[in-house]
Structures are given as C-alpha cells and as structure tokens.
Protein backbone atom coordinates (compact mmCIF):
# COMPACT_ATOMS: atom_id res chain seq x y z
CA MET A 1 -5.98 -10.30 32.49
CA ALA A 2 -3.30 -9.55 29.85
CA LEU A 3 -2.92 -11.68 26.77
CA PRO A 4 -1.01 -14.59 27.54
CA TYR A 5 2.38 -15.37 25.75
CA ALA A 6 3.46 -18.33 23.83
CA HIS A 7 6.83 -19.88 24.05
CA SER A 8 9.23 -20.33 21.63
CA GLU A 9 9.32 -23.70 20.19
CA ALA A 10 12.81 -24.56 22.07
CA SER A 11 10.96 -23.67 25.66
CA THR A 12 7.99 -25.46 25.57
CA LYS A 13 9.76 -28.78 25.47
CA SER A 14 10.75 -28.54 28.90
CA ASP A 15 9.81 -27.04 31.69
CA ASP A 16 13.32 -25.72 32.04
CA ARG A 17 13.68 -22.29 30.54
CA GLN A 18 16.71 -21.06 29.22
CA PRO A 19 17.90 -17.82 29.08
CA VAL A 20 17.64 -16.15 25.63
CA ALA A 21 19.40 -12.70 24.58
CA GLN A 22 16.61 -12.19 22.29
CA PRO A 23 13.26 -12.00 21.42
CA THR A 24 11.92 -15.15 19.64
CA LEU A 25 8.99 -15.36 17.74
CA ALA A 26 7.03 -18.62 16.84
CA LYS A 27 6.38 -19.36 13.55
CA ALA A 28 2.72 -19.00 13.99
CA GLY A 29 2.98 -15.56 13.02
CA GLY A 30 4.32 -16.31 9.58
CA VAL A 31 8.16 -14.90 10.64
CA GLY A 32 9.78 -18.88 9.15
CA GLU A 33 13.08 -18.40 7.53
CA THR A 34 13.45 -14.64 6.24
CA GLN A 35 16.27 -12.51 7.84
CA ARG A 36 15.38 -9.52 9.89
CA GLN A 37 17.68 -7.01 8.41
CA LEU A 38 15.10 -3.92 7.81
CA LYS A 39 16.26 -0.93 10.02
CA PRO A 40 14.44 1.81 11.12
CA ARG A 41 15.21 4.10 8.16
CA HIS A 42 14.00 1.25 5.96
CA ILE A 43 10.86 0.92 7.61
CA GLN A 44 9.74 4.91 7.76
CA PHE A 45 11.24 5.50 4.14
CA ILE A 46 8.69 2.48 2.97
CA GLY A 47 6.06 4.06 4.33
CA PHE A 48 7.28 7.27 2.69
CA GLY A 49 7.31 5.66 -0.57
CA GLY A 50 4.00 3.77 -0.13
CA ALA A 51 2.30 7.36 0.17
CA ILE A 52 3.44 8.30 -3.46
CA GLY A 53 3.45 6.81 -6.14
CA THR A 54 2.13 6.32 -9.88
CA GLY A 55 -1.60 7.05 -8.60
CA LEU A 56 -0.86 10.32 -7.52
CA PHE A 57 1.71 11.49 -10.29
CA ILE A 58 0.11 9.92 -13.16
CA GLY A 59 -3.60 8.18 -12.25
CA SER A 60 -4.65 11.23 -10.94
CA GLY A 61 -5.05 12.63 -14.52
CA LEU A 62 -6.72 10.14 -15.65
CA SER A 63 -9.77 10.78 -13.03
CA LEU A 64 -9.26 14.42 -13.28
CA ALA A 65 -10.56 14.33 -17.00
CA GLN A 66 -13.21 12.04 -16.03
CA VAL A 67 -14.99 13.37 -13.12
CA GLY A 68 -13.71 17.07 -12.76
CA PRO A 69 -11.84 18.33 -9.15
CA VAL A 70 -14.68 18.38 -6.70
CA ALA A 71 -15.55 14.58 -7.27
CA LEU A 72 -12.03 13.61 -7.20
CA PHE A 73 -11.49 15.56 -4.20
CA ILE A 74 -14.39 14.30 -2.41
CA ALA A 75 -13.20 10.80 -3.61
CA TYR A 76 -9.91 11.08 -2.09
CA ILE A 77 -11.03 12.21 1.51
CA ILE A 78 -13.47 9.28 1.17
CA MET A 79 -10.93 7.10 0.79
CA GLY A 80 -8.22 8.42 2.90
CA THR A 81 -10.61 8.17 5.91
CA LEU A 82 -10.80 4.23 4.65
CA LEU A 83 -7.23 3.95 4.59
CA PHE A 84 -6.88 5.28 8.15
CA ALA A 85 -9.57 2.82 9.64
CA VAL A 86 -7.31 -0.12 7.86
CA MET A 87 -4.14 0.96 9.15
CA GLU A 88 -5.33 1.67 12.60
CA CYS A 89 -6.62 -2.06 12.55
CA LEU A 90 -3.41 -3.47 11.17
CA GLY A 91 -0.67 -1.54 13.75
CA GLU A 92 -3.00 -2.90 16.41
CA LEU A 93 -2.57 -6.60 15.33
CA SER A 94 0.79 -6.82 13.70
CA THR A 95 2.91 -5.30 16.49
CA LEU A 96 0.92 -7.88 18.95
CA TYR A 97 1.54 -10.83 16.07
CA PRO A 98 4.73 -9.12 13.72
CA GLY A 99 5.17 -11.64 11.00
CA ALA A 100 6.43 -11.60 7.38
CA GLY A 101 2.92 -11.70 5.29
CA SER A 102 0.52 -11.12 8.26
CA PHE A 103 -2.42 -10.08 6.26
CA PRO A 104 -3.61 -13.38 5.19
CA HIS A 105 -2.50 -15.00 8.84
CA PHE A 106 -4.74 -12.68 10.75
CA ALA A 107 -7.73 -13.42 8.20
CA GLY A 108 -7.42 -17.70 8.60
CA ARG A 109 -6.68 -16.67 12.42
CA PHE A 110 -9.68 -14.72 13.62
CA ILE A 111 -12.14 -15.23 10.59
CA GLU A 112 -11.48 -18.75 9.10
CA PRO A 113 -8.76 -20.85 7.68
CA SER A 114 -10.12 -20.48 3.92
CA ALA A 115 -11.00 -17.00 4.44
CA GLY A 116 -6.81 -16.54 5.20
CA PHE A 117 -6.20 -18.24 1.97
CA ALA A 118 -8.65 -16.22 -0.24
CA LEU A 119 -6.87 -12.81 1.23
CA GLY A 120 -3.86 -14.13 0.46
CA VAL A 121 -4.33 -15.13 -2.86
CA THR A 122 -5.94 -11.87 -4.00
CA TYR A 123 -3.68 -9.90 -2.20
CA PHE A 124 -0.97 -11.60 -4.05
CA TYR A 125 -2.07 -11.41 -7.30
CA GLY A 126 -3.37 -7.96 -6.44
CA ASN A 127 0.27 -6.86 -5.74
CA ALA A 128 1.75 -8.78 -8.47
CA ILE A 129 -0.35 -7.28 -11.09
CA SER A 130 0.68 -3.78 -9.47
CA PHE A 131 4.11 -4.67 -10.41
CA SER A 132 3.25 -5.17 -14.03
CA ASN A 133 1.29 -2.29 -13.75
CA ASP A 134 3.96 0.12 -13.03
CA LEU A 135 6.12 -1.60 -15.76
CA SER A 136 3.52 -0.41 -18.27
CA ALA A 137 3.39 3.30 -16.11
CA VAL A 138 6.89 3.34 -16.83
CA THR A 139 6.44 3.39 -20.58
CA ILE A 140 3.85 5.93 -20.33
CA LEU A 141 6.31 8.47 -18.84
CA VAL A 142 9.11 7.43 -20.91
CA ASN A 143 7.71 8.29 -23.64
CA TYR A 144 7.56 11.90 -22.57
CA TRP A 145 10.84 12.81 -24.62
CA PRO A 146 10.43 11.61 -28.69
CA ASN A 147 11.75 8.33 -29.22
CA ASN A 148 12.23 5.40 -31.23
CA ILE A 149 12.71 2.85 -28.59
CA PRO A 150 10.35 -0.10 -28.90
CA ILE A 151 7.84 -0.07 -26.07
CA ALA A 152 8.87 -4.04 -25.56
CA ALA A 153 12.53 -2.87 -25.08
CA LEU A 154 11.46 -0.39 -22.50
CA ILE A 155 9.56 -2.56 -20.60
CA SER A 156 12.73 -4.99 -20.54
CA ILE A 157 15.22 -2.71 -19.19
CA PHE A 158 13.09 -1.89 -16.19
CA TYR A 159 12.01 -5.35 -15.83
CA ALA A 160 15.73 -7.00 -15.50
CA ALA A 161 16.13 -4.13 -12.95
CA ALA A 162 13.54 -5.07 -10.87
CA LEU A 163 14.97 -8.67 -11.08
CA SER A 164 18.28 -8.05 -10.58
CA LEU A 165 16.80 -5.93 -7.19
CA ALA A 166 14.33 -8.72 -6.07
CA PHE A 167 16.94 -11.71 -5.66
CA LEU A 168 19.16 -9.38 -3.22
CA PRO A 169 18.67 -9.80 0.52
CA VAL A 170 16.37 -7.63 1.80
CA ARG A 171 18.66 -4.99 3.32
CA PHE A 172 19.43 -3.78 -0.16
CA PHE A 173 15.75 -3.31 -0.67
CA GLY A 174 15.76 -1.45 2.15
CA GLU A 175 18.51 0.48 0.84
CA ILE A 176 17.11 1.70 -2.92
CA GLU A 177 13.52 2.38 -0.87
CA VAL A 178 15.43 5.10 1.02
CA ILE A 179 17.09 6.26 -1.97
CA THR A 180 13.83 6.19 -4.29
CA ALA A 181 11.25 7.31 -1.47
CA GLY A 182 13.55 10.07 -0.87
CA LEU A 183 13.56 10.85 -4.28
CA LYS A 184 9.67 11.03 -4.00
CA VAL A 185 9.43 13.11 -1.07
CA PHE A 186 11.70 15.67 -2.86
CA ALA A 187 9.49 15.34 -5.93
CA PHE A 188 6.69 15.81 -3.94
CA PHE A 189 7.80 18.91 -1.99
CA LEU A 190 9.16 20.65 -5.29
CA LEU A 191 5.77 20.28 -6.57
CA PHE A 192 4.38 21.54 -3.84
CA VAL A 193 6.25 24.62 -3.58
CA VAL A 194 6.63 25.46 -7.66
CA GLY A 195 2.93 24.62 -7.82
CA LEU A 196 1.83 27.07 -5.27
CA VAL A 197 4.28 29.58 -7.26
CA ILE A 198 2.29 28.60 -10.35
CA ASP A 199 -1.42 28.98 -8.84
CA LEU A 200 -0.83 32.54 -7.14
CA GLY A 201 0.75 33.93 -10.69
CA GLY A 202 4.77 33.57 -9.85
CA ALA A 203 5.23 31.67 -13.10
CA PRO A 204 6.59 33.18 -16.41
CA THR A 205 2.98 33.39 -17.76
CA HIS A 206 2.07 35.69 -14.38
CA ASP A 207 -1.26 33.83 -14.90
CA ARG A 208 -2.92 33.86 -11.12
CA LEU A 209 -5.02 30.96 -10.92
CA GLY A 210 -6.26 30.70 -7.58
CA PHE A 211 -9.54 27.91 -7.54
CA ARG A 212 -10.76 29.07 -11.26
CA PHE A 213 -11.04 25.63 -12.20
CA TRP A 214 -13.17 24.90 -9.40
CA ARG A 215 -15.08 27.87 -10.34
CA ASP A 216 -15.47 27.70 -13.57
CA SER A 217 -15.74 23.72 -14.55
CA PRO A 218 -16.49 22.25 -11.04
CA TRP A 219 -17.66 18.77 -12.08
CA VAL A 220 -17.66 16.76 -15.38
CA GLN A 221 -21.35 15.22 -15.62
CA TYR A 222 -20.21 11.63 -15.57
CA ASN A 223 -21.04 9.67 -19.04
CA GLY A 224 -23.01 12.63 -20.16
CA ILE A 225 -25.40 11.99 -17.10
CA PRO A 226 -27.65 14.88 -16.18
CA GLY A 227 -27.70 16.88 -12.81
CA ALA A 228 -27.03 15.37 -9.67
CA LYS A 229 -27.57 11.89 -10.67
CA GLY A 230 -24.45 12.48 -13.19
CA ARG A 231 -22.41 14.37 -10.58
CA PHE A 232 -22.47 11.43 -8.38
CA ALA A 233 -21.79 9.13 -10.43
CA ALA A 234 -18.07 11.08 -11.11
CA VAL A 235 -17.49 10.55 -7.39
CA ILE A 236 -18.33 7.07 -7.62
CA ALA A 237 -16.20 6.46 -10.50
CA ALA A 238 -13.42 8.44 -8.85
CA PHE A 239 -13.14 5.83 -6.18
CA ILE A 240 -10.96 3.32 -8.22
CA GLY A 241 -8.70 5.80 -9.10
CA ALA A 242 -8.02 7.22 -5.37
CA ALA A 243 -8.21 3.76 -4.04
CA PHE A 244 -5.04 2.60 -6.17
CA THR A 245 -3.02 5.86 -5.31
CA TYR A 246 -3.56 4.53 -1.72
CA LEU A 247 -2.71 0.97 -2.29
CA GLY A 248 0.82 0.43 -0.87
CA THR A 249 0.60 2.01 2.24
CA GLU A 250 -0.11 -0.86 4.36
CA THR A 251 3.44 -2.33 2.89
CA ILE A 252 5.23 -1.04 6.01
CA VAL A 253 3.30 -3.78 8.57
CA LEU A 254 4.12 -6.25 5.85
CA ALA A 255 7.75 -5.27 6.64
CA ALA A 256 7.65 -6.17 10.55
CA GLY A 257 8.60 -9.76 9.99
CA GLU A 258 12.23 -8.72 8.55
CA SER A 259 12.10 -5.20 10.88
CA LYS A 260 14.78 -5.25 13.69
CA ASN A 261 12.80 -3.57 15.51
CA PRO A 262 9.29 -4.25 14.63
CA LEU A 263 7.73 -3.22 18.53
CA ARG A 264 8.99 0.34 18.35
CA GLU A 265 8.90 0.83 14.49
CA ILE A 266 5.69 -0.27 13.41
CA PRO A 267 3.74 1.67 15.86
CA ARG A 268 5.70 4.74 15.23
CA ALA A 269 5.13 4.81 11.10
CA ILE A 270 1.45 4.17 11.61
CA LYS A 271 0.67 6.79 13.97
CA LYS A 272 1.91 9.13 11.19
CA VAL A 273 -0.37 7.49 8.57
CA ALA A 274 -2.88 10.04 9.26
CA TYR A 275 -0.47 13.09 8.66
CA ARG A 276 1.11 11.53 5.36
CA ILE A 277 -2.59 10.77 3.66
CA LEU A 278 -3.55 14.47 4.38
CA PHE A 279 -0.47 15.90 3.14
CA PHE A 280 0.51 13.80 0.43
CA TYR A 281 -2.74 12.52 -0.66
CA ILE A 282 -5.37 15.16 -0.03
CA GLY A 283 -2.69 17.88 -0.19
CA GLY A 284 -1.45 16.85 -3.55
CA ILE A 285 -4.68 16.14 -5.32
CA LEU A 286 -6.12 19.21 -4.14
CA LEU A 287 -2.95 21.18 -5.96
CA VAL A 288 -3.67 18.70 -9.13
CA THR A 289 -6.94 19.83 -9.06
CA MET A 290 -5.94 23.56 -8.29
CA LEU A 291 -3.64 23.85 -11.65
CA VAL A 292 -5.05 21.71 -14.53
CA GLN A 293 -8.49 22.13 -15.71
CA SER A 294 -10.46 18.92 -16.33
CA ASP A 295 -10.76 18.98 -19.91
CA ASN A 296 -7.25 20.05 -20.95
CA PRO A 297 -6.72 18.17 -23.89
CA ASN A 298 -3.60 16.20 -22.45
CA LEU A 299 -5.12 14.53 -19.59
CA GLY A 300 -6.21 10.96 -19.56
CA LEU A 301 -2.92 9.32 -20.78
CA SER A 302 -3.61 9.96 -24.49
CA GLY A 303 -0.66 12.48 -24.74
CA THR A 304 2.76 12.43 -24.29
CA THR A 305 2.59 14.53 -20.74
CA ALA A 306 0.49 11.87 -18.81
CA SER A 307 1.25 13.09 -15.91
CA PRO A 308 -1.11 16.45 -14.66
CA PHE A 309 1.90 17.59 -12.63
CA VAL A 310 4.37 17.91 -15.95
CA ILE A 311 0.82 19.49 -17.62
CA ALA A 312 1.06 22.46 -14.95
CA ILE A 313 4.70 23.34 -15.23
CA GLN A 314 4.39 23.51 -19.04
CA ASN A 315 1.06 25.43 -18.91
CA GLY A 316 2.83 27.61 -16.84
CA GLY A 317 5.88 28.54 -19.11
CA ILE A 318 8.34 26.91 -17.08
CA LYS A 319 11.64 25.03 -19.20
CA VAL A 320 13.50 21.97 -18.16
CA LEU A 321 12.38 21.30 -15.14
CA PRO A 322 9.19 19.16 -16.89
CA SER A 323 12.02 16.60 -17.95
CA PHE A 324 13.67 16.79 -14.58
CA LEU A 325 10.20 15.90 -12.60
CA ASN A 326 9.91 13.60 -15.30
CA ALA A 327 12.89 11.42 -14.72
CA LEU A 328 11.63 11.53 -10.90
CA PHE A 329 8.52 10.24 -11.57
CA ILE A 330 9.83 7.33 -13.84
CA CYS A 331 12.06 6.22 -10.47
CA SER A 332 8.88 6.86 -8.43
CA ALA A 333 7.16 4.44 -10.91
CA TRP A 334 10.05 1.92 -10.66
CA SER A 335 10.41 2.05 -7.27
CA ALA A 336 6.89 1.61 -6.34
CA GLY A 337 6.72 -1.94 -8.52
CA ASN A 338 9.54 -2.61 -6.17
CA SER A 339 7.74 -2.36 -3.36
CA TYR A 340 4.80 -4.17 -4.93
CA ALA A 341 7.05 -7.26 -5.68
CA TYR A 342 8.40 -7.53 -2.12
CA THR A 343 4.64 -6.95 -0.66
CA ALA A 344 3.27 -10.20 -2.96
CA SER A 345 6.33 -12.67 -2.60
CA ARG A 346 6.66 -12.06 1.16
CA THR A 347 2.73 -13.04 0.97
CA LEU A 348 2.91 -16.18 -1.12
CA TYR A 349 5.49 -16.75 1.49
CA ALA A 350 3.33 -16.32 4.17
CA LEU A 351 0.92 -18.83 2.66
CA ALA A 352 3.19 -21.30 1.95
CA LEU A 353 4.34 -21.05 6.23
CA ASN A 354 0.59 -21.64 7.09
CA ARG A 355 0.35 -24.28 4.31
CA ARG A 356 -2.05 -22.92 2.31
CA ALA A 357 0.17 -22.77 -0.67
CA PRO A 358 2.65 -25.72 -1.84
CA GLN A 359 5.39 -25.80 0.37
CA ILE A 360 8.05 -25.36 -2.39
CA PHE A 361 7.26 -21.54 -1.88
CA THR A 362 8.99 -22.10 1.91
CA ARG A 363 12.48 -22.20 0.25
CA VAL A 364 14.46 -19.73 1.22
CA LEU A 365 18.14 -18.75 0.21
CA PRO A 366 20.62 -18.39 2.34
CA ASN A 367 20.63 -14.87 2.21
CA GLY A 368 16.79 -15.05 3.48
CA VAL A 369 15.34 -14.35 -0.19
CA PRO A 370 12.31 -16.90 -0.37
CA ILE A 371 13.70 -17.89 -4.39
CA PHE A 372 10.58 -19.42 -5.64
CA CYS A 373 8.51 -17.02 -3.95
CA VAL A 374 10.13 -14.14 -5.65
CA ALA A 375 10.27 -15.74 -8.97
CA ILE A 376 6.50 -16.24 -9.55
CA THR A 377 6.09 -12.96 -8.53
CA MET A 378 8.42 -11.51 -11.27
CA ALA A 379 7.09 -13.88 -13.82
CA PHE A 380 3.48 -11.59 -13.33
CA GLY A 381 5.58 -8.49 -14.85
CA GLY A 382 5.60 -9.96 -18.45
CA LEU A 383 1.95 -9.00 -18.56
CA ALA A 384 3.33 -5.23 -19.11
CA TYR A 385 3.97 -6.63 -22.27
CA LEU A 386 0.39 -6.08 -23.39
CA SER A 387 1.14 -2.61 -23.86
CA VAL A 388 2.79 -3.75 -27.27
CA SER A 389 -0.62 -4.72 -28.62
CA SER A 390 -3.04 -2.53 -26.94
CA GLY A 391 -0.86 0.40 -25.81
CA PRO A 392 -0.06 1.19 -22.50
CA ALA A 393 -3.05 3.52 -21.54
CA GLN A 394 -5.33 0.89 -21.62
CA VAL A 395 -3.37 -1.92 -19.93
CA PHE A 396 -2.54 0.89 -17.21
CA THR A 397 -6.37 1.05 -16.99
CA TRP A 398 -7.00 -2.64 -16.64
CA LEU A 399 -4.41 -3.62 -14.29
CA GLN A 400 -5.41 -0.30 -11.95
CA ASN A 401 -9.02 -1.36 -11.89
CA ILE A 402 -7.79 -4.92 -10.76
CA SER A 403 -5.81 -3.72 -8.43
CA ALA A 404 -7.79 -1.59 -6.89
CA THR A 405 -10.92 -3.53 -6.39
CA SER A 406 -8.41 -6.60 -4.75
CA GLY A 407 -7.26 -3.84 -2.43
CA LEU A 408 -10.71 -2.46 -1.38
CA VAL A 409 -11.84 -6.09 -0.83
CA ASN A 410 -8.79 -7.20 1.17
CA TRP A 411 -8.83 -3.69 3.72
CA GLY A 412 -12.67 -5.14 4.07
CA ILE A 413 -11.29 -8.30 5.19
CA ILE A 414 -8.28 -7.06 7.51
CA CYS A 415 -10.94 -4.70 9.53
CA LEU A 416 -13.24 -8.28 9.62
CA SER A 417 -10.35 -9.80 11.03
CA TRP A 418 -9.65 -7.22 13.76
CA ILE A 419 -13.36 -6.99 14.81
CA ARG A 420 -12.65 -10.71 15.19
CA PHE A 421 -10.23 -10.51 17.22
CA ASN A 422 -11.53 -7.66 19.32
CA ARG A 423 -14.31 -9.72 19.93
CA ALA A 424 -12.05 -12.69 21.22
CA ARG A 425 -10.60 -10.97 23.11
CA GLU A 426 -13.07 -9.31 25.28
CA LEU A 427 -15.01 -13.26 25.52
CA GLN A 428 -12.03 -14.71 26.75
CA GLY A 429 -11.51 -11.73 29.35
CA PHE A 430 -8.21 -10.11 27.72
CA SER A 431 -7.62 -6.57 28.76
CA ARG A 432 -6.80 -4.31 25.76
CA SER A 433 -4.62 -2.27 27.85
CA SER A 434 -2.03 -4.98 27.27
CA LEU A 435 -1.77 -4.80 23.78
CA PRO A 436 1.69 -2.75 22.57
CA TYR A 437 -0.43 -0.79 20.25
CA ARG A 438 -4.14 0.38 20.61
CA GLY A 439 -5.66 1.69 17.35
CA ARG A 440 -7.93 4.77 18.22
CA LEU A 441 -11.38 5.41 17.30
CA MET A 442 -11.95 1.66 17.84
CA PRO A 443 -14.04 -0.26 17.16
CA TYR A 444 -15.82 2.36 15.15
CA LEU A 445 -12.86 2.42 12.73
CA ALA A 446 -13.13 -0.86 12.00
CA TRP A 447 -16.47 -1.35 11.38
CA TYR A 448 -16.36 1.83 9.07
CA GLY A 449 -13.62 0.11 6.97
CA PHE A 450 -15.22 -3.24 7.00
CA ILE A 451 -18.64 -1.65 5.16
CA ALA A 452 -17.01 1.02 3.52
CA SER A 453 -14.52 -1.01 1.56
CA TRP A 454 -17.06 -3.59 0.75
CA ILE A 455 -19.94 -1.28 -0.52
CA ILE A 456 -16.94 0.50 -2.52
CA ALA A 457 -15.79 -2.50 -4.21
CA LEU A 458 -19.60 -3.43 -5.17
CA ILE A 459 -20.33 -0.39 -6.58
CA SER A 460 -17.25 0.94 -8.26
CA GLY A 461 -17.09 -0.67 -11.41
CA PHE A 462 -20.73 0.42 -12.23
CA ASN A 463 -19.93 2.37 -15.64
CA VAL A 464 -19.76 -0.93 -17.30
CA PHE A 465 -23.34 -1.56 -16.98
CA LEU A 466 -24.22 2.34 -18.16
CA LYS A 467 -25.71 2.19 -22.16
CA GLY A 468 -23.09 1.40 -24.82
CA ASN A 469 -20.18 0.55 -22.02
CA TRP A 470 -20.36 -2.50 -21.86
CA SER A 471 -16.86 -4.67 -22.08
CA VAL A 472 -16.09 -8.24 -21.21
CA ALA A 473 -12.63 -6.96 -20.63
CA ASN A 474 -13.61 -3.93 -18.01
CA PHE A 475 -16.17 -5.81 -16.01
CA PHE A 476 -13.50 -8.68 -15.59
CA SER A 477 -11.12 -6.03 -14.41
CA SER A 478 -13.74 -4.59 -11.96
CA TYR A 479 -15.13 -7.50 -10.67
CA VAL A 480 -12.63 -10.36 -10.46
CA SER A 481 -11.44 -9.89 -7.00
CA VAL A 482 -15.08 -9.78 -5.60
CA GLY A 483 -16.59 -12.85 -7.51
CA TRP A 484 -12.89 -14.36 -6.09
CA LYS A 485 -14.25 -13.11 -2.34
CA ALA A 486 -18.01 -14.42 -2.93
CA TRP A 487 -17.41 -17.58 -4.36
CA HIS A 488 -15.45 -18.70 -0.95
CA ARG A 489 -18.03 -19.50 1.78
CA VAL A 490 -16.66 -18.71 5.16
CA LYS A 491 -17.53 -20.70 8.06
CA LEU A 492 -16.52 -18.72 11.03
CA ILE A 493 -14.10 -20.02 14.16
CA PRO A 494 -16.18 -19.72 17.26
CA LEU A 495 -15.17 -16.74 19.23
CA GLU A 496 -14.08 -19.29 22.07
CA ASP A 497 -11.80 -21.18 19.83
CA ILE A 498 -9.63 -18.90 18.52
CA ASP A 499 -6.17 -18.61 19.64
CA LEU A 500 -4.89 -15.46 21.15
CA ALA A 501 -1.45 -16.74 22.36
CA SER A 502 0.81 -18.23 19.76
CA GLY A 503 2.83 -16.22 17.39
CA ARG A 504 3.25 -13.49 20.12
CA GLY A 505 6.96 -12.55 20.67
CA ALA A 506 8.10 -13.62 24.28
CA ILE A 507 11.90 -12.85 26.36
CA PHE A 508 12.90 -15.23 28.71
CA ALA A 509 15.57 -14.01 31.29
CA GLU A 510 16.98 -15.87 34.11
CA GLY A 511 13.27 -18.28 33.76
CA VAL A 512 11.48 -14.99 33.95
CA THR A 513 9.13 -14.13 31.15
CA ILE A 514 8.92 -10.48 30.79
CA SER A 515 5.62 -8.39 30.21
CA ILE A 516 4.82 -6.63 26.86
CA GLU A 517 5.08 -3.06 28.60
CA GLU A 518 8.90 -4.24 29.24
CA GLU A 519 9.78 -5.48 26.25
CA LYS A 520 8.62 -2.34 24.66
CA GLN A 521 10.46 0.06 26.99
CA ARG A 522 13.65 -2.31 25.89
CA ALA A 523 12.72 -1.82 22.37
CA GLU A 524 12.72 2.14 22.80
CA ASP A 525 16.10 2.29 25.05
CA VAL A 526 17.59 0.22 22.47
CA ALA A 527 16.87 2.49 19.60
CA ARG A 528 17.65 5.71 22.00
CA GLU A 529 20.86 4.54 22.68
CA LYS A 530 22.00 5.25 18.86
CA LEU A 531 20.44 8.10 19.14
CA THR A 532 23.76 10.36 20.15
CA THR A 533 23.42 13.61 18.68
CA PRO A 534 20.55 16.73 18.20
CA TRP A 535 20.15 16.13 14.55
CA ALA A 536 20.01 12.04 15.38
CA ARG A 537 17.07 12.62 17.34
CA PHE A 538 15.42 15.36 15.25
CA VAL A 539 15.20 13.35 12.83
CA ASP A 540 14.14 9.84 14.46
CA TRP A 541 11.53 12.27 15.67
CA LEU A 542 10.74 13.76 11.94
CA LEU A 543 10.65 9.97 10.48
C-alpha cells in the first residue's frame, strides 16, 4: 500500500479538483510563505560549504594539541559514521515532507509536540550561537597578520556584512554560498596538494615527514592520565571538536523548503554525503595529523597561526601562501556563520508556523525573508563581543562546546523521529517502496545514530569532573543542551495516531493525482531539459 497524499487546502474544500500546474505543498510541512528561490547549484554548494568550515580549518588544531593524532583520527571516523546515519534519516523524511525548518516538525509530528518544541529551540540557539562563534573565529584568523585593530572593530565589520546579507532574498544567500563554498573547495584542494608535497619532502626544507608524527608521538595522555585510560579519555575528549566540525552538513536538508526542485536535489545531495565525509573530513584530518606535531607551540589557538594548515606550510618554508590561505579561511569562517544564521532563522520560522513560537515570527517580507526570525538570530552575534574581555580563543571554546553538544542531542532526536515514522508506517500498512528516497542500511543506521548521539553527548563533557578541572562556565557549555532535553519529558504519540499523509506534495492534472514516482520522474525530466551540453551534464553529475 502506498502512502496517501494530503490534498492542498484549496482542493479539499470541494470534490471538484482544479488542474494545478505546479506542485502544491501543505503548510503542515512548515513551508509557509518563504519563496522557493534556491536552484540546484545553490543546494549542492550549500552541501559543499557545510562540509568545510572553522572546525576543520581552526578547531582541529586545538583538538590535535589536546589528544594527539591517533585519538583525533579515531574520533573523526566515529563521528563520520554518525553523521552518515543522521543524513540518511533526514534524506528519507525531507524528500517525503519537504518544508523549511523541517527538523522540529519531524520531532513534533512523529514523537510528541513538546519534543518538536525542544528540538526546535535547541537547534535554533545552537546554530545562532555557532554564528557568533564564527565571528570570534574571524578575529582569530585576522590576527595572523600584525595589526592594531581593536577586536570589537573587527567583529563589527564582519557582523555588519552578515546583517546586510541576512535581509536580502534567499537567492542572494544561495549565490554567496556558491562563491564562498567554491573558495572553500578550492582552498581544500590546494591544501591537499600542498600538504602531500610537504609530507613527501617537496617543500623548500626538503624534510620528508611521512607518518613521522604518528610514529614519534601518536597519543597525548589526556590530562596526564597514564596508560590506556589516558588514551581512551583522549578519544572521548576529541568527540566535541569532531562533532563541531561536522555540524552544518544538514543545512542542505533545511534548504528543501526553499529549493525549486527538492524531490530531485535533496536526494542527490544526500547520496554524496558519504563521499564528502570520506574526502573532506577524514582526508582533511588525516592530512593535519601528518603535517603538524601535537606539541607544536602554535597549536591550541594561542598563537597567531591558529590554523594547523598554516603552521604546516610555514614549517615547510613556503612563503606568501600562508597569507593567501588565511584570507581564504576568513572567507570560510564568515560563510559558515552565514549558513548557521540562515539555519537558525528558518528553524525559528518553522516553530512559529507550527504554533510552537509566537506568531510574530511568521511575518515575512515581500522578498520572502522572515524578518523577525532573522532579526533575533542576528542579535546572537553580539555574543562574539565577549572576545573583547575573555579573548577570542576562550570564547571560541565555550561556544564550540555549546554548539557541539546541542547538535549531538538534536541528531539523536532526528534519528528517533525516523524510527517512530518507520514504525508508524509499518503499523499503518504503507509500503516503504512508495517513498521518493529510501535511506541506506535502515533501520540499523537510525538506531545507531540515536543511541550513539546521546551517549557521546552525555560523556563528552567528562573533563570538567576531573581533579582540578572544575569550571562552572565549562560545565554549562558542555551540558546545557543535554539538561534542556532531559527536563522536557516526552509522552509519545500513539503510532496509530501519527499522521503520515498531510504535508506531502501533490500534483493534480485533469482531476487525477499523480504518483510519487511519476512526480519524481517529472522533476528529473525538468532538470535534464536544461542540461544541453556535455559540460553541463558533467558538472551536474560531479556536483
């Protein structure tokens, strides 16, 4: 039995269906009045941009100094499998129910309304805080060059630029992401090539590194704990930095509500997540651990050379390139901040559409921008000014902890949403073959993602309980998100009462409802009509 369609509001008022030229999406999906202005290239580059950010370019150096190369590499592999599980869950749900800010909608629909509210609130503030975190990261990177510019002035410059972009139509955000994500990809490929040259002894110093640092100092005994316990603690401590690096990849799913062709573009982006995890994250962190020793004095955000990639190039004796790359990293940090701000504002908008936030947040400008959602999100950028008194490095660490633990808990709830959806589908007798996208290795990946996310979120802040490490600020940053979720008790919606119909796209032509497979084929045909040259078809396949 195929899953049922919910008719559009106009069509349910009468038995006479009127021909509609374009798909009609019910508001149950959280679409509201935002405009579908994101094109295929926007969606794909948002996916690329989410794969590369300050966590990899900057935060990886701090983690390497704390835990060593082996523990860091293991943590990135484990977090990569966790992200893969989450994205498969989201891919299946978001193509079936495309809607802006769909994460809290899924939780409220398939688990319980308060779960949707809790997920929405923590996902909102986690991304809003990440926006301010990236403003702090920009000041760290700018200080690579000697200057007398006050930290507050640096923050204000990039803050103003982000504010200007946030209130423009979403297509401008998409175009900026195409440019900045393109720069990120270029920077990463450049780093990959240069890194291999340095590692193989092709730099001016002609020092062949190979896996020397893995051999000489593979582990850092975390907090001085001896033996296997110290090494195990190092792996656990690396999870937060790895989680922060991976956060943001799910933005491509959030963009479904403003994509012109979500039924085609979201599955294409989801299917390529595994390759991006393997190349950008795992490949990138392996390169970092090969090029920089964990006891390098410039690691840990204390020196002006905050990025381990810049440290490696300087150690190799290569001139000019470090400054060029640092400029690219600044663009990357600013771009990542814009993505977090976009994600936070659309999440708050979805909460308001589902009546889980004040209705003032449903107000939309004529250009499709949810004005009050964007305004309150951008206000969180003011947290970056904490860097003036506490220093950008300390603020970066605090905000990274809050963002990462919030993201981990949210990932667990997203996986639980899929589990509940799947059980309801089975109970109500609907075939999984009718879904426009079917996640791989299900339901095993969903259960793995649900359990692992919560376990890592609970144990990742263990270091505050070690002797001499207690800090109220660090405890708060590590466990505020976990505490928020635990405080909200959940009363599950009965499986037989879960609504599987409303919020799905439906096309009506001459009074006949078209199946999901026919709708999906139409989306493919429309996209292919525009691929008139071999080069266009190659780029479409590549991205």
